Amino acid sequence: IEGHLRIDVDVDGGRVKKAWSSGQMWRGVELILLGRDPRDAWTITQ
């Protein structure tokens, strides 16, 4: 896949009974954009 993803599952009787999806990285691009010229946002966000 792209990025760092953790999956936890509880298995009972050969079946998944409960699951957790955990993204293991922080995205801070929104903070980088504050106060900037809106015309620059597309180059930064991609």
ModelCIF file with pLDDT and N, C-alpha, C, O atoms, coordinates in Angstrom:
data_MODEL
#
_entry.id   MODEL 
#
_entity.id                         1 
_entity.type                       polymer 
_entity.pdbx_number_of_molecules   1 
#
_entity_poly.entity_id                      1 
_entity_poly.type                           'polypeptide(L)' 
_entity_poly.nstd_linkage                   no 
_entity_poly.nstd_monomer                   no 
_entity_poly.pdbx_seq_one_letter_code       IEGHLRIDVDVDGGRVKKAWSSGQMWRGVELILLGRDPRDAWTITQ 
_entity_poly.pdbx_seq_one_letter_code_can   IEGHLRIDVDVDGGRVKKAWSSGQMWRGVELILLGRDPRDAWTITQ 
_entity_poly.pdbx_strand_id                 A 
#
loop_
_entity_poly_seq.entity_id 
_entity_poly_seq.num 
_entity_poly_seq.mon_id 
_entity_poly_seq.hetero 
1 1  ILE n 
1 2  GLU n 
1 3  GLY n 
1 4  HIS n 
1 5  LEU n 
1 6  ARG n 
1 7  ILE n 
1 8  ASP n 
1 9  VAL n 
1 10 ASP n 
1 11 VAL n 
1 12 ASP n 
1 13 GLY n 
1 14 GLY n 
1 15 ARG n 
1 16 VAL n 
1 17 LYS n 
1 18 LYS n 
1 19 ALA n 
1 20 TRP n 
1 21 SER n 
1 22 SER n 
1 23 GLY n 
1 24 GLN n 
1 25 MET n 
1 26 TRP n 
1 27 ARG n 
1 28 GLY n 
1 29 VAL n 
1 30 GLU n 
1 31 LEU n 
1 32 ILE n 
1 33 LEU n 
1 34 LEU n 
1 35 GLY n 
1 36 ARG n 
1 37 ASP n 
1 38 PRO n 
1 39 ARG n 
1 40 ASP n 
1 41 ALA n 
1 42 TRP n 
1 43 THR n 
1 44 ILE n 
1 45 THR n 
1 46 GLN n 
#
_struct_asym.id          A 
_struct_asym.entity_id   1 
#
loop_
_ma_qa_metric.id 
_ma_qa_metric.mode 
_ma_qa_metric.name 
_ma_qa_metric.software_group_id 
_ma_qa_metric.type 
1 global pLDDT . pLDDT 
2 local  pLDDT . pLDDT 
#
_ma_qa_metric_global.metric_id      1 
_ma_qa_metric_global.metric_value   93.30 
_ma_qa_metric_global.model_id       1 
_ma_qa_metric_global.ordinal_id     1 
#
loop_
_ma_qa_metric_local.label_asym_id 
_ma_qa_metric_local.label_comp_id 
_ma_qa_metric_local.label_seq_id 
_ma_qa_metric_local.metric_id 
_ma_qa_metric_local.metric_value 
_ma_qa_metric_local.model_id 
_ma_qa_metric_local.ordinal_id 
A ILE 1  2 89.00 1 1  
A GLU 2  2 87.00 1 2  
A GLY 3  2 85.00 1 3  
A HIS 4  2 90.00 1 4  
A LEU 5  2 94.00 1 5  
A ARG 6  2 96.00 1 6  
A ILE 7  2 97.00 1 7  
A ASP 8  2 97.00 1 8  
A VAL 9  2 98.00 1 9  
A ASP 10 2 97.00 1 10 
A VAL 11 2 97.00 1 11 
A ASP 12 2 96.00 1 12 
A GLY 13 2 94.00 1 13 
A GLY 14 2 95.00 1 14 
A ARG 15 2 97.00 1 15 
A VAL 16 2 97.00 1 16 
A LYS 17 2 97.00 1 17 
A LYS 18 2 97.00 1 18 
A ALA 19 2 98.00 1 19 
A TRP 20 2 98.00 1 20 
A SER 21 2 98.00 1 21 
A SER 22 2 96.00 1 22 
A GLY 23 2 93.00 1 23 
A GLN 24 2 89.00 1 24 
A MET 25 2 82.00 1 25 
A TRP 26 2 79.00 1 26 
A ARG 27 2 74.00 1 27 
A GLY 28 2 81.00 1 28 
A VAL 29 2 88.00 1 29 
A GLU 30 2 90.00 1 30 
A LEU 31 2 92.00 1 31 
A ILE 32 2 92.00 1 32 
A LEU 33 2 95.00 1 33 
A LEU 34 2 96.00 1 34 
A GLY 35 2 97.00 1 35 
A ARG 36 2 97.00 1 36 
A ASP 37 2 98.00 1 37 
A PRO 38 2 98.00 1 38 
A ARG 39 2 97.00 1 39 
A ASP 40 2 97.00 1 40 
A ALA 41 2 97.00 1 41 
A TRP 42 2 96.00 1 42 
A THR 43 2 95.00 1 43 
A ILE 44 2 94.00 1 44 
A THR 45 2 94.00 1 45 
A GLN 46 2 91.00 1 46 
#
loop_
_atom_site.group_PDB 
_atom_site.id 
_atom_site.type_symbol 
_atom_site.label_atom_id 
_atom_site.label_alt_id 
_atom_site.label_comp_id 
_atom_site.label_asym_id 
_atom_site.label_entity_id 
_atom_site.label_seq_id 
_atom_site.pdbx_PDB_ins_code 
_atom_site.Cartn_x 
_atom_site.Cartn_y 
_atom_site.Cartn_z 
_atom_site.occupancy 
_atom_site.B_iso_or_equiv 
_atom_site.pdbx_formal_charge 
_atom_site.auth_seq_id 
_atom_site.auth_comp_id 
_atom_site.auth_asym_id 
_atom_site.auth_atom_id 
_atom_site.pdbx_PDB_model_num 
ATOM 1   N N  . ILE A 1 1  ? 0.869   -1.172  0.000  1.00 89.00 ? 1  ILE A N  1 
ATOM 2   C CA . ILE A 1 1  ? 0.000   0.000   0.000  1.00 89.00 ? 1  ILE A CA 1 
ATOM 3   C C  . ILE A 1 1  ? 0.905   1.221   0.000  1.00 89.00 ? 1  ILE A C  1 
ATOM 4   O O  . ILE A 1 1  ? 2.128   1.079   -0.009 1.00 89.00 ? 1  ILE A O  1 
ATOM 5   N N  . GLU A 1 2  ? 0.326   2.423   0.010  1.00 87.00 ? 2  GLU A N  1 
ATOM 6   C CA . GLU A 1 2  ? 1.089   3.651   0.179  1.00 87.00 ? 2  GLU A CA 1 
ATOM 7   C C  . GLU A 1 2  ? 0.906   4.111   1.627  1.00 87.00 ? 2  GLU A C  1 
ATOM 8   O O  . GLU A 1 2  ? -0.222  4.301   2.083  1.00 87.00 ? 2  GLU A O  1 
ATOM 9   N N  . GLY A 1 3  ? 2.019   4.291   2.348  1.00 85.00 ? 3  GLY A N  1 
ATOM 10  C CA . GLY A 1 3  ? 1.944   4.812   3.710  1.00 85.00 ? 3  GLY A CA 1 
ATOM 11  C C  . GLY A 1 3  ? 2.034   3.734   4.766  1.00 85.00 ? 3  GLY A C  1 
ATOM 12  O O  . GLY A 1 3  ? 2.306   2.573   4.462  1.00 85.00 ? 3  GLY A O  1 
ATOM 13  N N  . HIS A 1 4  ? 1.802   4.126   6.021  1.00 90.00 ? 4  HIS A N  1 
ATOM 14  C CA . HIS A 1 4  ? 1.964   3.238   7.168  1.00 90.00 ? 4  HIS A CA 1 
ATOM 15  C C  . HIS A 1 4  ? 0.612   3.011   7.834  1.00 90.00 ? 4  HIS A C  1 
ATOM 16  O O  . HIS A 1 4  ? 0.055   3.917   8.453  1.00 90.00 ? 4  HIS A O  1 
ATOM 17  N N  . LEU A 1 5  ? 0.092   1.800   7.702  1.00 94.00 ? 5  LEU A N  1 
ATOM 18  C CA . LEU A 1 5  ? -1.211  1.424   8.237  1.00 94.00 ? 5  LEU A CA 1 
ATOM 19  C C  . LEU A 1 5  ? -1.058  0.209   9.137  1.00 94.00 ? 5  LEU A C  1 
ATOM 20  O O  . LEU A 1 5  ? -0.414  -0.773  8.769  1.00 94.00 ? 5  LEU A O  1 
ATOM 21  N N  . ARG A 1 6  ? -1.653  0.284   10.313 1.00 96.00 ? 6  ARG A N  1 
ATOM 22  C CA . ARG A 1 6  ? -1.706  -0.846  11.244 1.00 96.00 ? 6  ARG A CA 1 
ATOM 23  C C  . ARG A 1 6  ? -3.136  -1.354  11.312 1.00 96.00 ? 6  ARG A C  1 
ATOM 24  O O  . ARG A 1 6  ? -4.081  -0.574  11.429 1.00 96.00 ? 6  ARG A O  1 
ATOM 25  N N  . ILE A 1 7  ? -3.282  -2.665  11.239 1.00 97.00 ? 7  ILE A N  1 
ATOM 26  C CA . ILE A 1 7  ? -4.592  -3.303  11.386 1.00 97.00 ? 7  ILE A CA 1 
ATOM 27  C C  . ILE A 1 7  ? -4.524  -4.306  12.532 1.00 97.00 ? 7  ILE A C  1 
ATOM 28  O O  . ILE A 1 7  ? -3.633  -5.155  12.567 1.00 97.00 ? 7  ILE A O  1 
ATOM 29  N N  . ASP A 1 8  ? -5.458  -4.209  13.462 1.00 97.00 ? 8  ASP A N  1 
ATOM 30  C CA . ASP A 1 8  ? -5.617  -5.181  14.539 1.00 97.00 ? 8  ASP A CA 1 
ATOM 31  C C  . ASP A 1 8  ? -6.965  -5.869  14.376 1.00 97.00 ? 8  ASP A C  1 
ATOM 32  O O  . ASP A 1 8  ? -7.971  -5.215  14.101 1.00 97.00 ? 8  ASP A O  1 
ATOM 33  N N  . VAL A 1 9  ? -6.987  -7.184  14.543 1.00 98.00 ? 9  VAL A N  1 
ATOM 34  C CA . VAL A 1 9  ? -8.252  -7.923  14.496 1.00 98.00 ? 9  VAL A CA 1 
ATOM 35  C C  . VAL A 1 9  ? -8.297  -8.933  15.636 1.00 98.00 ? 9  VAL A C  1 
ATOM 36  O O  . VAL A 1 9  ? -7.285  -9.545  15.979 1.00 98.00 ? 9  VAL A O  1 
ATOM 37  N N  . ASP A 1 10 ? -9.477  -9.097  16.215 1.00 97.00 ? 10 ASP A N  1 
ATOM 38  C CA . ASP A 1 10 ? -9.723  -10.179 17.154 1.00 97.00 ? 10 ASP A CA 1 
ATOM 39  C C  . ASP A 1 10 ? -10.352 -11.328 16.384 1.00 97.00 ? 10 ASP A C  1 
ATOM 40  O O  . ASP A 1 10 ? -11.367 -11.149 15.710 1.00 97.00 ? 10 ASP A O  1 
ATOM 41  N N  . VAL A 1 11 ? -9.748  -12.516 16.482 1.00 97.00 ? 11 VAL A N  1 
ATOM 42  C CA . VAL A 1 11 ? -10.209 -13.686 15.736 1.00 97.00 ? 11 VAL A CA 1 
ATOM 43  C C  . VAL A 1 11 ? -10.705 -14.744 16.715 1.00 97.00 ? 11 VAL A C  1 
ATOM 44  O O  . VAL A 1 11 ? -10.028 -15.074 17.689 1.00 97.00 ? 11 VAL A O  1 
ATOM 45  N N  . ASP A 1 12 ? -11.887 -15.264 16.443 1.00 96.00 ? 12 ASP A N  1 
ATOM 46  C CA . ASP A 1 12 ? -12.458 -16.327 17.273 1.00 96.00 ? 12 ASP A CA 1 
ATOM 47  C C  . ASP A 1 12 ? -13.195 -17.291 16.345 1.00 96.00 ? 12 ASP A C  1 
ATOM 48  O O  . ASP A 1 12 ? -14.008 -16.874 15.519 1.00 96.00 ? 12 ASP A O  1 
ATOM 49  N N  . GLY A 1 13 ? -12.899 -18.593 16.490 1.00 94.00 ? 13 GLY A N  1 
ATOM 50  C CA . GLY A 1 13 ? -13.552 -19.586 15.644 1.00 94.00 ? 13 GLY A CA 1 
ATOM 51  C C  . GLY A 1 13 ? -13.238 -19.423 14.174 1.00 94.00 ? 13 GLY A C  1 
ATOM 52  O O  . GLY A 1 13 ? -14.060 -19.756 13.319 1.00 94.00 ? 13 GLY A O  1 
ATOM 53  N N  . GLY A 1 14 ? -12.043 -18.908 13.869 1.00 95.00 ? 14 GLY A N  1 
ATOM 54  C CA . GLY A 1 14 ? -11.644 -18.744 12.477 1.00 95.00 ? 14 GLY A CA 1 
ATOM 55  C C  . GLY A 1 14 ? -12.289 -17.565 11.775 1.00 95.00 ? 14 GLY A C  1 
ATOM 56  O O  . GLY A 1 14 ? -12.252 -17.490 10.546 1.00 95.00 ? 14 GLY A O  1 
ATOM 57  N N  . ARG A 1 15 ? -12.888 -16.631 12.530 1.00 97.00 ? 15 ARG A N  1 
ATOM 58  C CA . ARG A 1 15 ? -13.544 -15.457 11.950 1.00 97.00 ? 15 ARG A CA 1 
ATOM 59  C C  . ARG A 1 15 ? -13.119 -14.194 12.690 1.00 97.00 ? 15 ARG A C  1 
ATOM 60  O O  . ARG A 1 15 ? -12.813 -14.239 13.882 1.00 97.00 ? 15 ARG A O  1 
ATOM 61  N N  . VAL A 1 16 ? -13.100 -13.080 11.987 1.00 97.00 ? 16 VAL A N  1 
ATOM 62  C CA . VAL A 1 16 ? -12.799 -11.794 12.600 1.00 97.00 ? 16 VAL A CA 1 
ATOM 63  C C  . VAL A 1 16 ? -14.038 -11.300 13.340 1.00 97.00 ? 16 VAL A C  1 
ATOM 64  O O  . VAL A 1 16 ? -15.125 -11.216 12.769 1.00 97.00 ? 16 VAL A O  1 
ATOM 65  N N  . LYS A 1 17 ? -13.858 -10.976 14.615 1.00 97.00 ? 17 LYS A N  1 
ATOM 66  C CA . LYS A 1 17 ? -14.975 -10.527 15.436 1.00 97.00 ? 17 LYS A CA 1 
ATOM 67  C C  . LYS A 1 17 ? -14.935 -9.019  15.701 1.00 97.00 ? 17 LYS A C  1 
ATOM 68  O O  . LYS A 1 17 ? -15.971 -8.401  15.947 1.00 97.00 ? 17 LYS A O  1 
ATOM 69  N N  . LYS A 1 18 ? -13.728 -8.428  15.649 1.00 97.00 ? 18 LYS A N  1 
ATOM 70  C CA . LYS A 1 18 ? -13.588 -7.001  15.899 1.00 97.00 ? 18 LYS A CA 1 
ATOM 71  C C  . LYS A 1 18 ? -12.326 -6.524  15.199 1.00 97.00 ? 18 LYS A C  1 
ATOM 72  O O  . LYS A 1 18 ? -11.363 -7.279  15.069 1.00 97.00 ? 18 LYS A O  1 
ATOM 73  N N  . ALA A 1 19 ? -12.327 -5.271  14.745 1.00 98.00 ? 19 ALA A N  1 
ATOM 74  C CA . ALA A 1 19 ? -11.173 -4.767  13.992 1.00 98.00 ? 19 ALA A CA 1 
ATOM 75  C C  . ALA A 1 19 ? -10.908 -3.306  14.324 1.00 98.00 ? 19 ALA A C  1 
ATOM 76  O O  . ALA A 1 19 ? -11.817 -2.547  14.659 1.00 98.00 ? 19 ALA A O  1 
ATOM 77  N N  . TRP A 1 20 ? -9.630  -2.932  14.221 1.00 98.00 ? 20 TRP A N  1 
ATOM 78  C CA . TRP A 1 20 ? -9.194  -1.550  14.410 1.00 98.00 ? 20 TRP A CA 1 
ATOM 79  C C  . TRP A 1 20 ? -8.299  -1.162  13.236 1.00 98.00 ? 20 TRP A C  1 
ATOM 80  O O  . TRP A 1 20 ? -7.404  -1.917  12.855 1.00 98.00 ? 20 TRP A O  1 
ATOM 81  N N  . SER A 1 21 ? -8.540  0.005   12.672 1.00 98.00 ? 21 SER A N  1 
ATOM 82  C CA . SER A 1 21 ? -7.688  0.552   11.602 1.00 98.00 ? 21 SER A CA 1 
ATOM 83  C C  . SER A 1 21 ? -6.970  1.771   12.151 1.00 98.00 ? 21 SER A C  1 
ATOM 84  O O  . SER A 1 21 ? -7.602  2.737   12.577 1.00 98.00 ? 21 SER A O  1 
ATOM 85  N N  . SER A 1 22 ? -5.637  1.720   12.137 1.00 96.00 ? 22 SER A N  1 
ATOM 86  C CA . SER A 1 22 ? -4.850  2.788   12.749 1.00 96.00 ? 22 SER A CA 1 
ATOM 87  C C  . SER A 1 22 ? -3.836  3.356   11.766 1.00 96.00 ? 22 SER A C  1 
ATOM 88  O O  . SER A 1 22 ? -2.911  2.657   11.353 1.00 96.00 ? 22 SER A O  1 
ATOM 89  N N  . GLY A 1 23 ? -4.003  4.611   11.392 1.00 93.00 ? 23 GLY A N  1 
ATOM 90  C CA . GLY A 1 23 ? -3.008  5.315   10.595 1.00 93.00 ? 23 GLY A CA 1 
ATOM 91  C C  . GLY A 1 23 ? -1.861  5.723   11.482 1.00 93.00 ? 23 GLY A C  1 
ATOM 92  O O  . GLY A 1 23 ? -2.068  6.336   12.529 1.00 93.00 ? 23 GLY A O  1 
ATOM 93  N N  . GLN A 1 24 ? -0.650  5.388   11.075 1.00 89.00 ? 24 GLN A N  1 
ATOM 94  C CA . GLN A 1 24 ? 0.512   5.533   11.952 1.00 89.00 ? 24 GLN A CA 1 
ATOM 95  C C  . GLN A 1 24 ? 1.396   6.734   11.609 1.00 89.00 ? 24 GLN A C  1 
ATOM 96  O O  . GLN A 1 24 ? 2.551   6.788   12.030 1.00 89.00 ? 24 GLN A O  1 
ATOM 97  N N  . MET A 1 25 ? 0.877   7.679   10.863 1.00 82.00 ? 25 MET A N  1 
ATOM 98  C CA . MET A 1 25 ? 1.640   8.877   10.522 1.00 82.00 ? 25 MET A CA 1 
ATOM 99  C C  . MET A 1 25 ? 0.735   10.103  10.659 1.00 82.00 ? 25 MET A C  1 
ATOM 100 O O  . MET A 1 25 ? -0.485  9.997   10.528 1.00 82.00 ? 25 MET A O  1 
ATOM 101 N N  . TRP A 1 26 ? 1.333   11.257  10.922 1.00 79.00 ? 26 TRP A N  1 
ATOM 102 C CA . TRP A 1 26 ? 0.567   12.493  11.091 1.00 79.00 ? 26 TRP A CA 1 
ATOM 103 C C  . TRP A 1 26 ? 0.691   13.379  9.864  1.00 79.00 ? 26 TRP A C  1 
ATOM 104 O O  . TRP A 1 26 ? 1.791   13.590  9.353  1.00 79.00 ? 26 TRP A O  1 
ATOM 105 N N  . ARG A 1 27 ? -0.437  13.899  9.389  1.00 74.00 ? 27 ARG A N  1 
ATOM 106 C CA . ARG A 1 27 ? -0.438  14.829  8.262  1.00 74.00 ? 27 ARG A CA 1 
ATOM 107 C C  . ARG A 1 27 ? -0.597  16.251  8.797  1.00 74.00 ? 27 ARG A C  1 
ATOM 108 O O  . ARG A 1 27 ? -1.604  16.566  9.429  1.00 74.00 ? 27 ARG A O  1 
ATOM 109 N N  . GLY A 1 28 ? 0.370   17.091  8.551  1.00 81.00 ? 28 GLY A N  1 
ATOM 110 C CA . GLY A 1 28 ? 0.311   18.462  9.040  1.00 81.00 ? 28 GLY A CA 1 
ATOM 111 C C  . GLY A 1 28 ? 0.291   19.506  7.950  1.00 81.00 ? 28 GLY A C  1 
ATOM 112 O O  . GLY A 1 28 ? 0.597   20.669  8.213  1.00 81.00 ? 28 GLY A O  1 
ATOM 113 N N  . VAL A 1 29 ? -0.062  19.128  6.728  1.00 88.00 ? 29 VAL A N  1 
ATOM 114 C CA . VAL A 1 29 ? 0.018   20.070  5.609  1.00 88.00 ? 29 VAL A CA 1 
ATOM 115 C C  . VAL A 1 29 ? -0.934  21.247  5.804  1.00 88.00 ? 29 VAL A C  1 
ATOM 116 O O  . VAL A 1 29 ? -0.667  22.347  5.320  1.00 88.00 ? 29 VAL A O  1 
ATOM 117 N N  . GLU A 1 30 ? -2.048  21.021  6.515  1.00 90.00 ? 30 GLU A N  1 
ATOM 118 C CA . GLU A 1 30 ? -2.983  22.128  6.733  1.00 90.00 ? 30 GLU A CA 1 
ATOM 119 C C  . GLU A 1 30 ? -2.331  23.272  7.499  1.00 90.00 ? 30 GLU A C  1 
ATOM 120 O O  . GLU A 1 30 ? -2.633  24.441  7.259  1.00 90.00 ? 30 GLU A O  1 
ATOM 121 N N  . LEU A 1 31 ? -1.431  22.927  8.426  1.00 92.00 ? 31 LEU A N  1 
ATOM 122 C CA . LEU A 1 31 ? -0.735  23.949  9.202  1.00 92.00 ? 31 LEU A CA 1 
ATOM 123 C C  . LEU A 1 31 ? 0.302   24.676  8.353  1.00 92.00 ? 31 LEU A C  1 
ATOM 124 O O  . LEU A 1 31 ? 0.538   25.870  8.538  1.00 92.00 ? 31 LEU A O  1 
ATOM 125 N N  . ILE A 1 32 ? 0.917   23.952  7.424  1.00 92.00 ? 32 ILE A N  1 
ATOM 126 C CA . ILE A 1 32 ? 1.903   24.560  6.524  1.00 92.00 ? 32 ILE A CA 1 
ATOM 127 C C  . ILE A 1 32 ? 1.248   25.624  5.643  1.00 92.00 ? 32 ILE A C  1 
ATOM 128 O O  . ILE A 1 32 ? 1.897   26.602  5.272  1.00 92.00 ? 32 ILE A O  1 
ATOM 129 N N  . LEU A 1 33 ? -0.027  25.441  5.308  1.00 95.00 ? 33 LEU A N  1 
ATOM 130 C CA . LEU A 1 33 ? -0.713  26.325  4.369  1.00 95.00 ? 33 LEU A CA 1 
ATOM 131 C C  . LEU A 1 33 ? -1.214  27.623  4.990  1.00 95.00 ? 33 LEU A C  1 
ATOM 132 O O  . LEU A 1 33 ? -1.465  28.590  4.270  1.00 95.00 ? 33 LEU A O  1 
ATOM 133 N N  . LEU A 1 34 ? -1.364  27.663  6.299  1.00 96.00 ? 34 LEU A N  1 
ATOM 134 C CA . LEU A 1 34 ? -1.942  28.843  6.942  1.00 96.00 ? 34 LEU A CA 1 
ATOM 135 C C  . LEU A 1 34 ? -1.134  30.097  6.633  1.00 96.00 ? 34 LEU A C  1 
ATOM 136 O O  . LEU A 1 34 ? 0.089   30.116  6.770  1.00 96.00 ? 34 LEU A O  1 
ATOM 137 N N  . GLY A 1 35 ? -1.848  31.155  6.209  1.00 97.00 ? 35 GLY A N  1 
ATOM 138 C CA . GLY A 1 35 ? -1.213  32.437  5.917  1.00 97.00 ? 35 GLY A CA 1 
ATOM 139 C C  . GLY A 1 35 ? -0.589  32.545  4.541  1.00 97.00 ? 35 GLY A C  1 
ATOM 140 O O  . GLY A 1 35 ? -0.055  33.597  4.189  1.00 97.00 ? 35 GLY A O  1 
ATOM 141 N N  . ARG A 1 36 ? -0.643  31.492  3.764  1.00 97.00 ? 36 ARG A N  1 
ATOM 142 C CA . ARG A 1 36 ? -0.005  31.508  2.438  1.00 97.00 ? 36 ARG A CA 1 
ATOM 143 C C  . ARG A 1 36 ? -0.958  32.022  1.351  1.00 97.00 ? 36 ARG A C  1 
ATOM 144 O O  . ARG A 1 36 ? -2.166  32.144  1.554  1.00 97.00 ? 36 ARG A O  1 
ATOM 145 N N  . ASP A 1 37 ? -0.371  32.314  0.208  1.00 98.00 ? 37 ASP A N  1 
ATOM 146 C CA . ASP A 1 37 ? -1.125  32.719  -0.975 1.00 98.00 ? 37 ASP A CA 1 
ATOM 147 C C  . ASP A 1 37 ? -1.911  31.509  -1.479 1.00 98.00 ? 37 ASP A C  1 
ATOM 148 O O  . ASP A 1 37 ? -1.316  30.454  -1.703 1.00 98.00 ? 37 ASP A O  1 
ATOM 149 N N  . PRO A 1 38 ? -3.222  31.626  -1.663 1.00 98.00 ? 38 PRO A N  1 
ATOM 150 C CA . PRO A 1 38 ? -4.030  30.485  -2.126 1.00 98.00 ? 38 PRO A CA 1 
ATOM 151 C C  . PRO A 1 38 ? -3.580  29.919  -3.469 1.00 98.00 ? 38 PRO A C  1 
ATOM 152 O O  . PRO A 1 38 ? -3.857  28.759  -3.776 1.00 98.00 ? 38 PRO A O  1 
ATOM 153 N N  . ARG A 1 39 ? -2.891  30.726  -4.271 1.00 97.00 ? 39 ARG A N  1 
ATOM 154 C CA . ARG A 1 39 ? -2.420  30.251  -5.572 1.00 97.00 ? 39 ARG A CA 1 
ATOM 155 C C  . ARG A 1 39 ? -1.288  29.241  -5.434 1.00 97.00 ? 39 ARG A C  1 
ATOM 156 O O  . ARG A 1 39 ? -0.973  28.522  -6.382 1.00 97.00 ? 39 ARG A O  1 
ATOM 157 N N  . ASP A 1 40 ? -0.675  29.187  -4.252 1.00 97.00 ? 40 ASP A N  1 
ATOM 158 C CA . ASP A 1 40 ? 0.416   28.234  -4.015 1.00 97.00 ? 40 ASP A CA 1 
ATOM 159 C C  . ASP A 1 40 ? -0.075  26.908  -3.441 1.00 97.00 ? 40 ASP A C  1 
ATOM 160 O O  . ASP A 1 40 ? 0.683   25.940  -3.384 1.00 97.00 ? 40 ASP A O  1 
ATOM 161 N N  . ALA A 1 41 ? -1.335  26.858  -3.017 1.00 97.00 ? 41 ALA A N  1 
ATOM 162 C CA . ALA A 1 41 ? -1.815  25.690  -2.267 1.00 97.00 ? 41 ALA A CA 1 
ATOM 163 C C  . ALA A 1 41 ? -1.720  24.402  -3.082 1.00 97.00 ? 41 ALA A C  1 
ATOM 164 O O  . ALA A 1 41 ? -1.395  23.346  -2.540 1.00 97.00 ? 41 ALA A O  1 
ATOM 165 N N  . TRP A 1 42 ? -1.999  24.486  -4.374 1.00 96.00 ? 42 TRP A N  1 
ATOM 166 C CA . TRP A 1 42 ? -2.015  23.249  -5.182 1.00 96.00 ? 42 TRP A CA 1 
ATOM 167 C C  . TRP A 1 42 ? -0.622  22.627  -5.292 1.00 96.00 ? 42 TRP A C  1 
ATOM 168 O O  . TRP A 1 42 ? -0.494  21.404  -5.339 1.00 96.00 ? 42 TRP A O  1 
ATOM 169 N N  . THR A 1 43 ? 0.419   23.457  -5.333 1.00 95.00 ? 43 THR A N  1 
ATOM 170 C CA . THR A 1 43 ? 1.768   22.904  -5.432 1.00 95.00 ? 43 THR A CA 1 
ATOM 171 C C  . THR A 1 43 ? 2.198   22.250  -4.118 1.00 95.00 ? 43 THR A C  1 
ATOM 172 O O  . THR A 1 43 ? 2.957   21.281  -4.118 1.00 95.00 ? 43 THR A O  1 
ATOM 173 N N  . ILE A 1 44 ? 1.709   22.786  -3.004 1.00 94.00 ? 44 ILE A N  1 
ATOM 174 C CA . ILE A 1 44 ? 2.065   22.253  -1.691 1.00 94.00 ? 44 ILE A CA 1 
ATOM 175 C C  . ILE A 1 44 ? 1.256   21.001  -1.374 1.00 94.00 ? 44 ILE A C  1 
ATOM 176 O O  . ILE A 1 44 ? 1.810   20.005  -0.910 1.00 94.00 ? 44 ILE A O  1 
ATOM 177 N N  . THR A 1 45 ? -0.044  21.046  -1.621 1.00 94.00 ? 45 THR A N  1 
ATOM 178 C CA . THR A 1 45 ? -0.897  19.922  -1.217 1.00 94.00 ? 45 THR A CA 1 
ATOM 179 C C  . THR A 1 45 ? -0.613  18.666  -2.019 1.00 94.00 ? 45 THR A C  1 
ATOM 180 O O  . THR A 1 45 ? -0.801  17.565  -1.501 1.00 94.00 ? 45 THR A O  1 
ATOM 181 N N  . GLN A 1 46 ? -0.165  18.786  -3.267 1.00 91.00 ? 46 GLN A N  1 
ATOM 182 C CA . GLN A 1 46 ? 0.105   17.559  -4.007 1.00 91.00 ? 46 GLN A CA 1 
ATOM 183 C C  . GLN A 1 46 ? 1.353   16.854  -3.491 1.00 91.00 ? 46 GLN A C  1 
ATOM 184 O O  . GLN A 1 46 ? 1.725   15.800  -4.006 1.00 91.00 ? 46 GLN A O  1 
#
